Every structure is written in structure tokens, then in C-alpha cells.
Amino acid sequence: MILEIIYEDENFIGINKPNGLLVHRTKLAADADEFALQILRDQVGIKVYPSHRLDRKTSGVLVFSKSEKANGELSKLFQEKKVIKTYHAIVRGHTKEKQKIDYALNNEGKEQEAITSYKLLERYELPFPSYKFKTSRYSLLEVYPQTGRFHQIRKHFAHIRHPIIGDRPHGCNKQNR
């Protein structure tokens, strides 16, 4: 596999991480044998450091640092919340124009504060029956997680009854079909 490099300078490399690829090895996915970290390292021929993570099933821009110093500086920016992460999601139903979801998540028996905000970009209604309704409604959202919890965005949208389309563990299997 060759990763698409979409940005590179003397300190950082940004790749287009495909859905299904893990950022690095983890006990949570013992079945995986390919990881963005190793693939990119072999592709560019230098040690790289992941500056953040994306869930295995999430595609998007993944940034790696080319040195420990650059990684430390970028990590500090993430910790100080000077980096704004932006995601796009299609969810079931018509959402509010904007909303802040402040709902703690339980990860491995530990409750953690979790905050996600979004704004509506577009609403859609398609002529496909859904449950007792004659049509299916969807919203395209721009999503801004303010914390970085495990499956935070997916869990938050399931919590407000607007699950992300295509999400199996937290989504709506009837809609996903």
C-alpha cells in the first residue's frame, strides 16, 4: 500500500488516511497487520511520529511529525486547544442548525468529559421509505470535537438520536442498508 501524501514540509507530513487503516499497533486490534505509521515510515524512509489519531473506520487527514521536537511542539498546540479539528458527517434525520453536545462518555469503566459541537451544512430528503415514513431524511454536518475521546463523535450523534450513516456499532443498521 502507498499512502497519499497531501502535505509535506521540513517538519510535518499529512496523509489521506483511508477507512480501515489503523494509525499504529494496538492491543484493541490484534487482527490488523498494516498500520499508517509503519507504511509511511517505509514510504518516506525516515522515522515519523503520529501527531494525533483517527479511528480505524474514519478516513481523513492524519498528520505525522518528522522529529521528536516538532511532535512535542504540535502536541503542545493540541493540548492548548490551538488546533481545530473539523470533520464532516452525514447523519440520520434533520438536525438543529447548530448544537453543542456536552455528554460524558464511559470508556473502559471511566467516565470522561466529552464535548462536540456541530453546524448544519445541508439537509436532504430522499424518496426512499424508512420505517413508517415515506422518505428518508439526512443532514450533512461540519463537526468540531473539543475533546478527543474514543468514538466520541459517533457516540455523541447516537446519543442525540442522529446516528452517523455507515457507522455499525453506534449507528442505525436499517438506515445503513
N, C-alpha and C. Protein backbone atom coordinates (compact mmCIF):
# COMPACT_ATOMS: atom_id res chain seq x y z
N MET A 1 0.84 -1.19 0.00
CA MET A 1 0.00 0.00 0.00
C MET A 1 0.88 1.24 0.00
N ILE A 2 0.51 2.21 -0.81
CA ILE A 2 1.17 3.52 -0.84
C ILE A 2 0.17 4.53 -0.30
N LEU A 3 0.60 5.33 0.68
CA LEU A 3 -0.27 6.35 1.25
C LEU A 3 -0.17 7.63 0.43
N GLU A 4 -1.30 8.29 0.24
CA GLU A 4 -1.33 9.56 -0.48
C GLU A 4 -0.85 10.68 0.46
N ILE A 5 0.26 11.29 0.11
CA ILE A 5 0.78 12.43 0.88
C ILE A 5 0.13 13.69 0.32
N ILE A 6 -0.58 14.41 1.17
CA ILE A 6 -1.29 15.61 0.71
C ILE A 6 -0.64 16.90 1.19
N TYR A 7 0.32 16.77 2.12
CA TYR A 7 1.07 17.94 2.59
C TYR A 7 2.41 17.45 3.12
N GLU A 8 3.46 18.22 2.84
CA GLU A 8 4.77 17.90 3.43
C GLU A 8 5.62 19.15 3.47
N ASP A 9 6.29 19.34 4.62
CA ASP A 9 7.30 20.38 4.75
C ASP A 9 8.44 19.79 5.57
N GLU A 10 9.35 20.62 6.06
CA GLU A 10 10.51 20.10 6.77
C GLU A 10 10.17 19.47 8.12
N ASN A 11 8.97 19.76 8.68
CA ASN A 11 8.60 19.26 9.99
C ASN A 11 7.45 18.24 10.00
N PHE A 12 6.56 18.32 9.01
CA PHE A 12 5.33 17.53 9.06
C PHE A 12 4.99 16.88 7.72
N ILE A 13 4.24 15.79 7.83
CA ILE A 13 3.68 15.12 6.65
C ILE A 13 2.20 14.87 6.95
N GLY A 14 1.35 15.27 6.02
CA GLY A 14 -0.08 14.99 6.14
C GLY A 14 -0.47 13.97 5.09
N ILE A 15 -1.17 12.92 5.53
CA ILE A 15 -1.60 11.89 4.59
C ILE A 15 -3.12 11.81 4.55
N ASN A 16 -3.61 11.22 3.49
CA ASN A 16 -5.03 10.92 3.37
C ASN A 16 -5.21 9.50 3.91
N LYS A 17 -5.62 9.37 5.17
CA LYS A 17 -5.78 8.04 5.79
C LYS A 17 -7.07 7.41 5.31
N PRO A 18 -6.98 6.24 4.70
CA PRO A 18 -8.20 5.58 4.27
C PRO A 18 -8.93 4.91 5.43
N ASN A 19 -10.21 4.73 5.26
CA ASN A 19 -11.04 3.98 6.19
C ASN A 19 -10.46 2.57 6.33
N GLY A 20 -10.43 2.05 7.55
CA GLY A 20 -9.97 0.69 7.79
C GLY A 20 -8.52 0.56 8.19
N LEU A 21 -7.75 1.63 8.09
CA LEU A 21 -6.32 1.58 8.42
C LEU A 21 -6.11 2.15 9.83
N LEU A 22 -5.41 1.38 10.66
CA LEU A 22 -5.06 1.86 12.00
C LEU A 22 -3.88 2.82 11.91
N VAL A 23 -3.80 3.75 12.86
CA VAL A 23 -2.68 4.68 12.92
C VAL A 23 -1.42 3.94 13.34
N HIS A 24 -1.52 3.11 14.40
CA HIS A 24 -0.38 2.36 14.93
C HIS A 24 -0.88 1.07 15.57
N ARG A 25 0.05 0.21 15.95
CA ARG A 25 -0.31 -1.06 16.60
C ARG A 25 -1.05 -0.79 17.90
N THR A 26 -2.02 -1.66 18.18
CA THR A 26 -2.76 -1.55 19.43
C THR A 26 -3.31 -2.93 19.81
N LYS A 27 -3.42 -3.17 21.10
CA LYS A 27 -4.00 -4.42 21.59
C LYS A 27 -5.47 -4.54 21.20
N LEU A 28 -6.11 -3.41 20.96
CA LEU A 28 -7.53 -3.40 20.62
C LEU A 28 -7.82 -3.99 19.25
N ALA A 29 -6.79 -4.11 18.41
CA ALA A 29 -6.98 -4.65 17.06
C ALA A 29 -5.84 -5.60 16.72
N ALA A 30 -5.82 -6.71 17.42
CA ALA A 30 -4.76 -7.70 17.21
C ALA A 30 -4.81 -8.32 15.83
N ASP A 31 -5.96 -8.21 15.16
CA ASP A 31 -6.14 -8.79 13.83
C ASP A 31 -5.45 -7.99 12.72
N ALA A 32 -5.09 -6.74 13.00
CA ALA A 32 -4.53 -5.87 11.96
C ALA A 32 -3.05 -6.15 11.73
N ASP A 33 -2.64 -6.02 10.47
CA ASP A 33 -1.22 -6.21 10.16
C ASP A 33 -0.64 -5.05 9.35
N GLU A 34 -1.46 -4.02 9.07
CA GLU A 34 -0.97 -2.82 8.39
C GLU A 34 -1.32 -1.61 9.23
N PHE A 35 -0.37 -0.69 9.33
CA PHE A 35 -0.53 0.50 10.16
C PHE A 35 0.05 1.70 9.42
N ALA A 36 -0.64 2.83 9.51
CA ALA A 36 -0.19 4.03 8.81
C ALA A 36 1.23 4.41 9.21
N LEU A 37 1.55 4.31 10.48
CA LEU A 37 2.87 4.69 10.98
C LEU A 37 3.98 3.92 10.25
N GLN A 38 3.87 2.60 10.18
CA GLN A 38 4.91 1.79 9.54
C GLN A 38 4.92 1.98 8.02
N ILE A 39 3.73 2.06 7.42
CA ILE A 39 3.67 2.23 5.97
C ILE A 39 4.33 3.55 5.56
N LEU A 40 3.99 4.64 6.28
CA LEU A 40 4.57 5.95 5.94
C LEU A 40 6.07 5.97 6.19
N ARG A 41 6.50 5.40 7.31
CA ARG A 41 7.94 5.35 7.61
C ARG A 41 8.70 4.65 6.49
N ASP A 42 8.18 3.51 6.04
CA ASP A 42 8.83 2.78 4.95
C ASP A 42 8.76 3.55 3.63
N GLN A 43 7.67 4.26 3.43
CA GLN A 43 7.47 5.01 2.18
C GLN A 43 8.42 6.19 2.06
N VAL A 44 8.64 6.93 3.18
CA VAL A 44 9.48 8.13 3.11
C VAL A 44 10.91 7.89 3.61
N GLY A 45 11.14 6.75 4.25
CA GLY A 45 12.49 6.38 4.66
C GLY A 45 13.02 7.10 5.89
N ILE A 46 12.13 7.66 6.71
CA ILE A 46 12.55 8.29 7.97
C ILE A 46 11.56 7.92 9.08
N LYS A 47 12.01 8.07 10.33
CA LYS A 47 11.12 7.83 11.46
C LYS A 47 10.10 8.96 11.52
N VAL A 48 8.83 8.60 11.68
CA VAL A 48 7.77 9.61 11.81
C VAL A 48 6.99 9.36 13.09
N TYR A 49 6.36 10.40 13.60
CA TYR A 49 5.64 10.36 14.87
C TYR A 49 4.20 10.80 14.63
N PRO A 50 3.22 9.97 15.01
CA PRO A 50 1.83 10.39 14.81
C PRO A 50 1.49 11.55 15.75
N SER A 51 0.97 12.63 15.19
CA SER A 51 0.66 13.81 15.99
C SER A 51 -0.74 13.75 16.60
N HIS A 52 -1.57 12.87 16.09
CA HIS A 52 -2.92 12.65 16.63
C HIS A 52 -3.40 11.33 16.06
N ARG A 53 -4.64 10.95 16.38
CA ARG A 53 -5.18 9.68 15.90
C ARG A 53 -6.52 9.91 15.22
N LEU A 54 -6.86 8.97 14.36
CA LEU A 54 -8.21 8.88 13.80
C LEU A 54 -8.66 7.44 14.01
N ASP A 55 -9.91 7.23 14.31
CA ASP A 55 -10.44 5.88 14.47
C ASP A 55 -10.16 5.06 13.22
N ARG A 56 -10.07 3.78 13.40
CA ARG A 56 -9.80 2.86 12.30
C ARG A 56 -10.79 3.06 11.15
N LYS A 57 -12.05 3.24 11.46
CA LYS A 57 -13.07 3.35 10.42
C LYS A 57 -13.24 4.78 9.90
N THR A 58 -12.43 5.70 10.38
CA THR A 58 -12.52 7.09 9.96
C THR A 58 -11.46 7.39 8.91
N SER A 59 -11.88 8.01 7.82
CA SER A 59 -10.92 8.48 6.81
C SER A 59 -10.71 9.96 7.04
N GLY A 60 -9.57 10.46 6.59
CA GLY A 60 -9.31 11.88 6.74
C GLY A 60 -7.83 12.19 6.79
N VAL A 61 -7.51 13.43 7.08
CA VAL A 61 -6.12 13.89 7.12
C VAL A 61 -5.50 13.46 8.44
N LEU A 62 -4.37 12.80 8.34
CA LEU A 62 -3.62 12.36 9.50
C LEU A 62 -2.24 13.00 9.42
N VAL A 63 -1.82 13.68 10.48
CA VAL A 63 -0.56 14.41 10.47
C VAL A 63 0.50 13.66 11.27
N PHE A 64 1.68 13.57 10.68
CA PHE A 64 2.85 12.97 11.34
C PHE A 64 3.93 14.03 11.42
N SER A 65 4.70 13.99 12.52
CA SER A 65 5.85 14.87 12.67
C SER A 65 7.10 14.12 12.23
N LYS A 66 8.09 14.87 11.75
CA LYS A 66 9.32 14.26 11.26
C LYS A 66 10.42 14.23 12.33
N SER A 67 10.16 14.82 13.50
CA SER A 67 11.14 14.80 14.58
C SER A 67 10.41 14.84 15.92
N GLU A 68 11.11 14.41 16.97
CA GLU A 68 10.52 14.46 18.31
C GLU A 68 10.22 15.91 18.70
N LYS A 69 11.11 16.83 18.32
CA LYS A 69 10.92 18.24 18.67
C LYS A 69 9.64 18.78 18.01
N ALA A 70 9.47 18.55 16.72
CA ALA A 70 8.26 19.02 16.03
C ALA A 70 7.02 18.37 16.60
N ASN A 71 7.12 17.08 16.96
CA ASN A 71 5.98 16.38 17.54
C ASN A 71 5.61 16.99 18.89
N GLY A 72 6.61 17.32 19.70
CA GLY A 72 6.36 17.94 21.00
C GLY A 72 5.68 19.30 20.86
N GLU A 73 6.13 20.08 19.89
CA GLU A 73 5.53 21.40 19.67
C GLU A 73 4.08 21.28 19.20
N LEU A 74 3.82 20.33 18.29
CA LEU A 74 2.45 20.16 17.81
C LEU A 74 1.57 19.57 18.91
N SER A 75 2.10 18.65 19.70
CA SER A 75 1.34 18.08 20.82
C SER A 75 0.92 19.18 21.79
N LYS A 76 1.81 20.12 22.03
CA LYS A 76 1.51 21.24 22.92
C LYS A 76 0.35 22.07 22.36
N LEU A 77 0.35 22.30 21.05
CA LEU A 77 -0.74 23.05 20.42
C LEU A 77 -2.07 22.31 20.57
N PHE A 78 -2.05 20.98 20.43
CA PHE A 78 -3.26 20.18 20.63
C PHE A 78 -3.73 20.30 22.07
N GLN A 79 -2.81 20.18 23.03
CA GLN A 79 -3.16 20.26 24.45
C GLN A 79 -3.73 21.62 24.82
N GLU A 80 -3.18 22.67 24.21
CA GLU A 80 -3.65 24.03 24.49
C GLU A 80 -4.90 24.39 23.69
N LYS A 81 -5.42 23.41 22.93
CA LYS A 81 -6.62 23.57 22.11
C LYS A 81 -6.47 24.69 21.08
N LYS A 82 -5.26 24.81 20.53
CA LYS A 82 -5.00 25.78 19.47
C LYS A 82 -5.13 25.16 18.08
N VAL A 83 -5.42 23.86 18.05
CA VAL A 83 -5.67 23.16 16.79
C VAL A 83 -7.17 22.88 16.74
N ILE A 84 -7.79 23.25 15.65
CA ILE A 84 -9.23 23.00 15.49
C ILE A 84 -9.40 21.83 14.54
N LYS A 85 -9.96 20.75 15.06
CA LYS A 85 -10.24 19.57 14.23
C LYS A 85 -11.62 19.75 13.63
N THR A 86 -11.73 19.48 12.35
CA THR A 86 -13.01 19.62 11.65
C THR A 86 -13.31 18.32 10.91
N TYR A 87 -14.49 17.80 11.12
CA TYR A 87 -14.94 16.57 10.47
C TYR A 87 -16.23 16.86 9.73
N HIS A 88 -16.55 16.03 8.76
CA HIS A 88 -17.84 16.09 8.08
C HIS A 88 -18.54 14.76 8.30
N ALA A 89 -19.83 14.82 8.54
CA ALA A 89 -20.60 13.60 8.78
C ALA A 89 -21.98 13.75 8.18
N ILE A 90 -22.50 12.64 7.68
CA ILE A 90 -23.90 12.58 7.25
C ILE A 90 -24.62 11.77 8.31
N VAL A 91 -25.65 12.35 8.87
CA VAL A 91 -26.40 11.71 9.94
C VAL A 91 -27.86 11.51 9.55
N ARG A 92 -28.50 10.60 10.25
CA ARG A 92 -29.91 10.33 10.02
C ARG A 92 -30.74 11.49 10.58
N GLY A 93 -31.75 11.90 9.82
CA GLY A 93 -32.69 12.91 10.30
C GLY A 93 -32.24 14.33 10.02
N HIS A 94 -33.14 15.25 10.30
CA HIS A 94 -32.84 16.68 10.17
C HIS A 94 -32.46 17.21 11.54
N THR A 95 -31.23 17.67 11.66
CA THR A 95 -30.71 18.17 12.93
C THR A 95 -31.06 19.65 13.12
N LYS A 96 -30.71 20.15 14.29
CA LYS A 96 -30.78 21.58 14.54
C LYS A 96 -29.72 22.28 13.67
N GLU A 97 -29.82 23.60 13.55
CA GLU A 97 -28.83 24.37 12.78
C GLU A 97 -27.43 24.22 13.37
N LYS A 98 -27.36 24.25 14.69
CA LYS A 98 -26.09 24.04 15.39
C LYS A 98 -26.40 23.57 16.80
N GLN A 99 -25.42 22.89 17.38
CA GLN A 99 -25.63 22.35 18.72
C GLN A 99 -24.29 22.04 19.35
N LYS A 100 -24.25 22.16 20.66
CA LYS A 100 -23.09 21.73 21.45
C LYS A 100 -23.55 20.52 22.25
N ILE A 101 -22.90 19.39 22.04
CA ILE A 101 -23.24 18.16 22.76
C ILE A 101 -22.23 18.01 23.89
N ASP A 102 -22.69 18.18 25.11
CA ASP A 102 -21.85 18.05 26.30
C ASP A 102 -22.37 16.82 27.04
N TYR A 103 -21.76 15.69 26.75
CA TYR A 103 -22.24 14.42 27.29
C TYR A 103 -21.04 13.54 27.60
N ALA A 104 -20.85 13.25 28.88
CA ALA A 104 -19.70 12.44 29.31
C ALA A 104 -19.80 11.03 28.73
N LEU A 105 -18.66 10.46 28.41
CA LEU A 105 -18.61 9.10 27.83
C LEU A 105 -17.88 8.17 28.78
N ASN A 106 -18.37 6.94 28.83
CA ASN A 106 -17.75 5.93 29.66
C ASN A 106 -16.82 5.10 28.79
N ASN A 107 -15.54 5.20 29.05
CA ASN A 107 -14.53 4.43 28.31
C ASN A 107 -13.77 3.55 29.30
N GLU A 108 -13.91 2.24 29.14
CA GLU A 108 -13.24 1.26 30.00
C GLU A 108 -13.57 1.49 31.46
N GLY A 109 -14.86 1.77 31.76
CA GLY A 109 -15.31 1.94 33.13
C GLY A 109 -15.00 3.29 33.74
N LYS A 110 -14.45 4.19 32.96
CA LYS A 110 -14.07 5.52 33.47
C LYS A 110 -14.88 6.58 32.73
N GLU A 111 -15.63 7.38 33.47
CA GLU A 111 -16.41 8.44 32.84
C GLU A 111 -15.50 9.62 32.53
N GLN A 112 -15.60 10.12 31.28
CA GLN A 112 -14.75 11.22 30.85
C GLN A 112 -15.60 12.32 30.22
N GLU A 113 -15.28 13.55 30.52
CA GLU A 113 -15.94 14.69 29.90
C GLU A 113 -15.74 14.59 28.38
N ALA A 114 -16.79 14.90 27.64
CA ALA A 114 -16.69 14.89 26.18
C ALA A 114 -17.62 15.96 25.61
N ILE A 115 -17.08 16.78 24.72
CA ILE A 115 -17.84 17.88 24.13
C ILE A 115 -17.63 17.89 22.62
N THR A 116 -18.73 17.95 21.89
CA THR A 116 -18.70 18.02 20.43
C THR A 116 -19.68 19.10 20.00
N SER A 117 -19.27 19.97 19.10
CA SER A 117 -20.17 20.97 18.52
C SER A 117 -20.31 20.68 17.03
N TYR A 118 -21.40 21.14 16.47
CA TYR A 118 -21.58 20.98 15.02
C TYR A 118 -22.38 22.13 14.47
N LYS A 119 -22.28 22.29 13.15
CA LYS A 119 -23.17 23.20 12.44
C LYS A 119 -23.70 22.48 11.21
N LEU A 120 -24.93 22.75 10.89
CA LEU A 120 -25.60 22.15 9.75
C LEU A 120 -25.10 22.78 8.46
N LEU A 121 -24.74 21.95 7.49
CA LEU A 121 -24.34 22.46 6.17
C LEU A 121 -25.48 22.32 5.16
N GLU A 122 -26.20 21.20 5.25
CA GLU A 122 -27.26 20.94 4.26
C GLU A 122 -28.20 19.87 4.80
N ARG A 123 -29.46 19.97 4.43
CA ARG A 123 -30.45 18.92 4.74
C ARG A 123 -30.88 18.27 3.44
N TYR A 124 -31.17 16.97 3.52
CA TYR A 124 -31.60 16.20 2.36
C TYR A 124 -32.81 15.37 2.72
N GLU A 125 -33.67 15.17 1.71
CA GLU A 125 -34.79 14.24 1.86
C GLU A 125 -34.84 13.42 0.58
N LEU A 126 -34.75 12.11 0.73
CA LEU A 126 -34.69 11.21 -0.41
C LEU A 126 -35.95 10.35 -0.47
N PRO A 127 -36.37 9.98 -1.66
CA PRO A 127 -37.63 9.26 -1.83
C PRO A 127 -37.52 7.75 -1.53
N PHE A 128 -36.88 7.41 -0.41
CA PHE A 128 -36.75 6.02 -0.01
C PHE A 128 -37.48 5.83 1.31
N PRO A 129 -38.42 4.89 1.38
CA PRO A 129 -39.14 4.67 2.64
C PRO A 129 -38.18 4.28 3.77
N SER A 130 -38.49 4.75 4.95
CA SER A 130 -37.70 4.45 6.13
C SER A 130 -38.67 4.26 7.30
N TYR A 131 -38.68 3.07 7.86
CA TYR A 131 -39.62 2.73 8.92
C TYR A 131 -41.03 3.01 8.43
N LYS A 132 -41.75 3.84 9.20
CA LYS A 132 -43.13 4.19 8.83
C LYS A 132 -43.20 5.44 7.96
N PHE A 133 -42.06 6.02 7.62
CA PHE A 133 -42.03 7.25 6.84
C PHE A 133 -41.87 6.96 5.35
N LYS A 134 -42.41 7.83 4.52
CA LYS A 134 -42.35 7.64 3.07
C LYS A 134 -41.02 8.07 2.47
N THR A 135 -40.26 8.85 3.22
CA THR A 135 -38.97 9.35 2.74
C THR A 135 -37.89 9.12 3.80
N SER A 136 -36.64 9.35 3.42
CA SER A 136 -35.51 9.29 4.35
C SER A 136 -34.89 10.69 4.43
N ARG A 137 -34.63 11.12 5.63
CA ARG A 137 -34.04 12.46 5.85
C ARG A 137 -32.63 12.32 6.38
N TYR A 138 -31.78 13.24 5.91
CA TYR A 138 -30.38 13.25 6.31
C TYR A 138 -29.89 14.68 6.48
N SER A 139 -28.84 14.83 7.27
CA SER A 139 -28.19 16.13 7.45
C SER A 139 -26.70 15.97 7.23
N LEU A 140 -26.11 16.90 6.49
CA LEU A 140 -24.67 16.98 6.32
C LEU A 140 -24.16 18.01 7.31
N LEU A 141 -23.23 17.58 8.17
CA LEU A 141 -22.77 18.44 9.26
C LEU A 141 -21.26 18.68 9.20
N GLU A 142 -20.87 19.83 9.72
CA GLU A 142 -19.46 20.10 9.99
C GLU A 142 -19.32 19.95 11.51
N VAL A 143 -18.41 19.08 11.94
CA VAL A 143 -18.33 18.67 13.34
C VAL A 143 -16.99 19.09 13.94
N TYR A 144 -17.05 19.59 15.17
CA TYR A 144 -15.85 20.08 15.86
C TYR A 144 -15.75 19.43 17.25
N PRO A 145 -14.99 18.36 17.38
CA PRO A 145 -14.81 17.79 18.73
C PRO A 145 -13.90 18.69 19.55
N GLN A 146 -14.31 18.99 20.76
CA GLN A 146 -13.49 19.82 21.63
C GLN A 146 -12.68 18.99 22.61
N THR A 147 -13.04 17.72 22.71
CA THR A 147 -12.25 16.75 23.47
C THR A 147 -11.98 15.60 22.51
N GLY A 148 -11.15 14.67 22.88
CA GLY A 148 -10.78 13.60 21.96
C GLY A 148 -10.98 12.22 22.56
N ARG A 149 -12.20 11.86 22.84
CA ARG A 149 -12.49 10.56 23.44
C ARG A 149 -12.71 9.49 22.38
N PHE A 150 -12.55 8.24 22.79
CA PHE A 150 -12.71 7.08 21.93
C PHE A 150 -14.12 7.05 21.35
N HIS A 151 -14.24 7.08 20.03
CA HIS A 151 -15.52 7.06 19.30
C HIS A 151 -16.45 8.20 19.71
N GLN A 152 -15.87 9.31 20.13
CA GLN A 152 -16.65 10.43 20.66
C GLN A 152 -17.73 10.92 19.70
N ILE A 153 -17.36 11.22 18.46
CA ILE A 153 -18.33 11.79 17.53
C ILE A 153 -19.45 10.80 17.26
N ARG A 154 -19.10 9.56 17.04
CA ARG A 154 -20.12 8.53 16.78
C ARG A 154 -21.07 8.38 17.96
N LYS A 155 -20.50 8.31 19.16
CA LYS A 155 -21.33 8.13 20.36
C LYS A 155 -22.21 9.35 20.61
N HIS A 156 -21.67 10.54 20.38
CA HIS A 156 -22.46 11.75 20.61
C HIS A 156 -23.66 11.83 19.66
N PHE A 157 -23.44 11.51 18.39
CA PHE A 157 -24.57 11.60 17.45
C PHE A 157 -25.58 10.49 17.68
N ALA A 158 -25.15 9.33 18.12
CA ALA A 158 -26.10 8.28 18.52
C ALA A 158 -26.90 8.75 19.73
N HIS A 159 -26.23 9.43 20.66
CA HIS A 159 -26.88 9.93 21.88
C HIS A 159 -28.01 10.92 21.56
N ILE A 160 -27.81 11.79 20.57
CA ILE A 160 -28.86 12.76 20.23
C ILE A 160 -29.82 12.23 19.17
N ARG A 161 -29.74 10.92 18.93
CA ARG A 161 -30.65 10.22 18.01
C ARG A 161 -30.52 10.64 16.54
N HIS A 162 -29.29 11.01 16.17
CA HIS A 162 -28.94 11.31 14.78
C HIS A 162 -27.67 10.54 14.46
N PRO A 163 -27.76 9.19 14.41
CA PRO A 163 -26.54 8.40 14.20
C PRO A 163 -25.91 8.67 12.84
N ILE A 164 -24.60 8.52 12.80
CA ILE A 164 -23.84 8.71 11.57
C ILE A 164 -24.14 7.56 10.61
N ILE A 165 -24.40 7.91 9.37
CA ILE A 165 -24.69 6.91 8.35
C ILE A 165 -23.42 6.11 8.07
N GLY A 166 -23.54 4.80 8.06
CA GLY A 166 -22.41 3.91 7.81
C GLY A 166 -21.72 3.42 9.07
N ASP A 167 -22.06 3.99 10.23
CA ASP A 167 -21.44 3.57 11.48
C ASP A 167 -22.16 2.33 12.00
N ARG A 168 -21.45 1.23 12.13
CA ARG A 168 -22.08 -0.01 12.57
C ARG A 168 -22.30 -0.08 14.07
N PRO A 169 -21.28 0.13 14.91
CA PRO A 169 -21.56 -0.11 16.33
C PRO A 169 -22.50 0.90 16.97
N HIS A 170 -22.51 2.15 16.50
CA HIS A 170 -23.32 3.18 17.15
C HIS A 170 -24.43 3.70 16.23
N GLY A 171 -24.48 3.21 15.01
CA GLY A 171 -25.42 3.73 14.02
C GLY A 171 -26.73 2.98 13.97
N CYS A 172 -27.44 3.18 12.88
CA CYS A 172 -28.75 2.58 12.67
C CYS A 172 -28.62 1.57 11.52
N ASN A 173 -28.68 0.30 11.86
CA ASN A 173 -28.45 -0.73 10.84
C ASN A 173 -29.47 -0.68 9.72
N LYS A 174 -30.72 -0.32 10.01
CA LYS A 174 -31.73 -0.22 8.94
C LYS A 174 -31.39 0.88 7.96
N GLN A 175 -30.94 2.02 8.46
CA GLN A 175 -30.54 3.12 7.59
C GLN A 175 -29.27 2.78 6.82
N ASN A 176 -28.34 2.10 7.47
CA ASN A 176 -27.08 1.76 6.82
C ASN A 176 -27.29 0.86 5.60
N ARG A 177 -28.31 0.02 5.63
CA ARG A 177 -28.59 -0.83 4.48
C ARG A 177 -29.02 0.02 3.32
